Amino acid sequence: MNTTVSVTTTRCQRQELFWEWTERQVRRQVTDLAEKVLEMELESHLKAGRNQRTTERRDYRNGYYGRRLTTPYGPVRIRVPRCRSRRFDASVIFDRYQRRIADVDRILRHTYLLGVSTRGTAQLAEQIFGHSMSHQTISQLMRWLDERLVEWRNTPIGNVYKVVYLDGMHVDIVGGDRVVMIVSGQRQAGGQLETLGFCVSKGERCVELLSDLRKRGLEDVSLFVSDESGAIRHALSQVYPEVSWQSCSFHKLKTLRDDIGATDFRDQMVAEAGNIFRCPSRLAAVESAIAWSKRWKSTSGWGVQRFMDRLSDSLTFYNLPSDWWKRARTNNPKERQIRTLRMRLNSMGCFHDVPAIERAVFGQLLRWHKIAITQYY
């Protein structure tokens, strides 16, 4: 009796079978090639072939042991030869205690820096390389950033930054949250924003961060730009009391919009207030602000009063050359960087501790080439 059952294989199934077979063949070729290279290295080390007697022989074979390696082609198991009296150097293929090829580590690091969590990276490693890894292993793998972070934080800063921006963002951590405060500088109007330092703390505490930047050489700053955070203003008054401070005009207008509330005239009132920061001079801006307050005082007295209070802090940018005004009147250049960083870190989930946060932030900034600029001058 014929018990054979005919099974129709679809095109996708045939393709899957073909690529699975190809993957096995590639791994077999990788294994064979690695073992042949190790045999050649062993023969060179012994100064003699198998069962060969020579006056130059240095040692004798002593069997093999298995070494499992995760490669870009998948996991392989290699027979590594032993010697009787000396340890055989297999560094031509792998280092001592190494379990992953360097290219695998590089791919996993890059995946993590693209915003994938440690657990997600571990799952992806199993899909790509066919070898399961724990999220603790991925976290340990990312600690290569620690030494670079320490080196970067000890790199001197040149006196080339005219405008410096400060801003922060909240990051989830087990048991609560932390604030990442980031300081970035700009050398020239329209130039690239370069990260000078960052810290992780409870609240917007940045006195130690600014003190460290000053010790590293951050001097001759013309203007600091931030929102109206009291903690930031206190830190600046403590560390850089001689430097002017610019309150972000965008945040000033946003506060005005919130104070006015949902009214028919809100958009027009805020748009006219925004023109104050586009005047050709500080005097013209002051005159424009006075005219604006008279026009709208009877309509929204509370909003006008709040806006006019400490308005001079948002007009400090007029002390700079005119080509700096557009960039220095607002903290928006820093806000855009923070927005992108927040998007990357949120996808990583909740962090275990502060070093993990620092590692992630530093890795993202390093990938964007935002921190490799502050080198020796």
Foldseek 3Di string as FASTA:
>chain_A
DDPDDDDDADPVNVVVVVVVVVLVVVLVVVQVVLQVVLQVQVCVVQVHHPPGDDPSGDWDWDFWDWAWAQEQSAIHIHTHIATDPDGRDSVVVNHPPDRYDPVLLVVLLVVVLQQAALQRSQVVCCVRHVDGDHSVVSLVSLCVVVVVVVVLLLFAFEQQFAEKEWDWDWAFAVPGIWIKIWIWGDRDQPDDTFTNDIAIGHPPACLVVLQSNVVSPHDPHAEYEYAPDPNVVVSCCVRPVPHAYAHAVVVLLVVLLVLVPDDPCSVVLSVQLVVLLVDPAVVSSVVSLVVSCVVCCVPRVVSNVSSPVVVVSLVSLRVDPPSRSVVRSHNVVVVVVVVVLCVSSVNNPHHHDRVSVVSNSVSNCVVVVRRVPRHDD
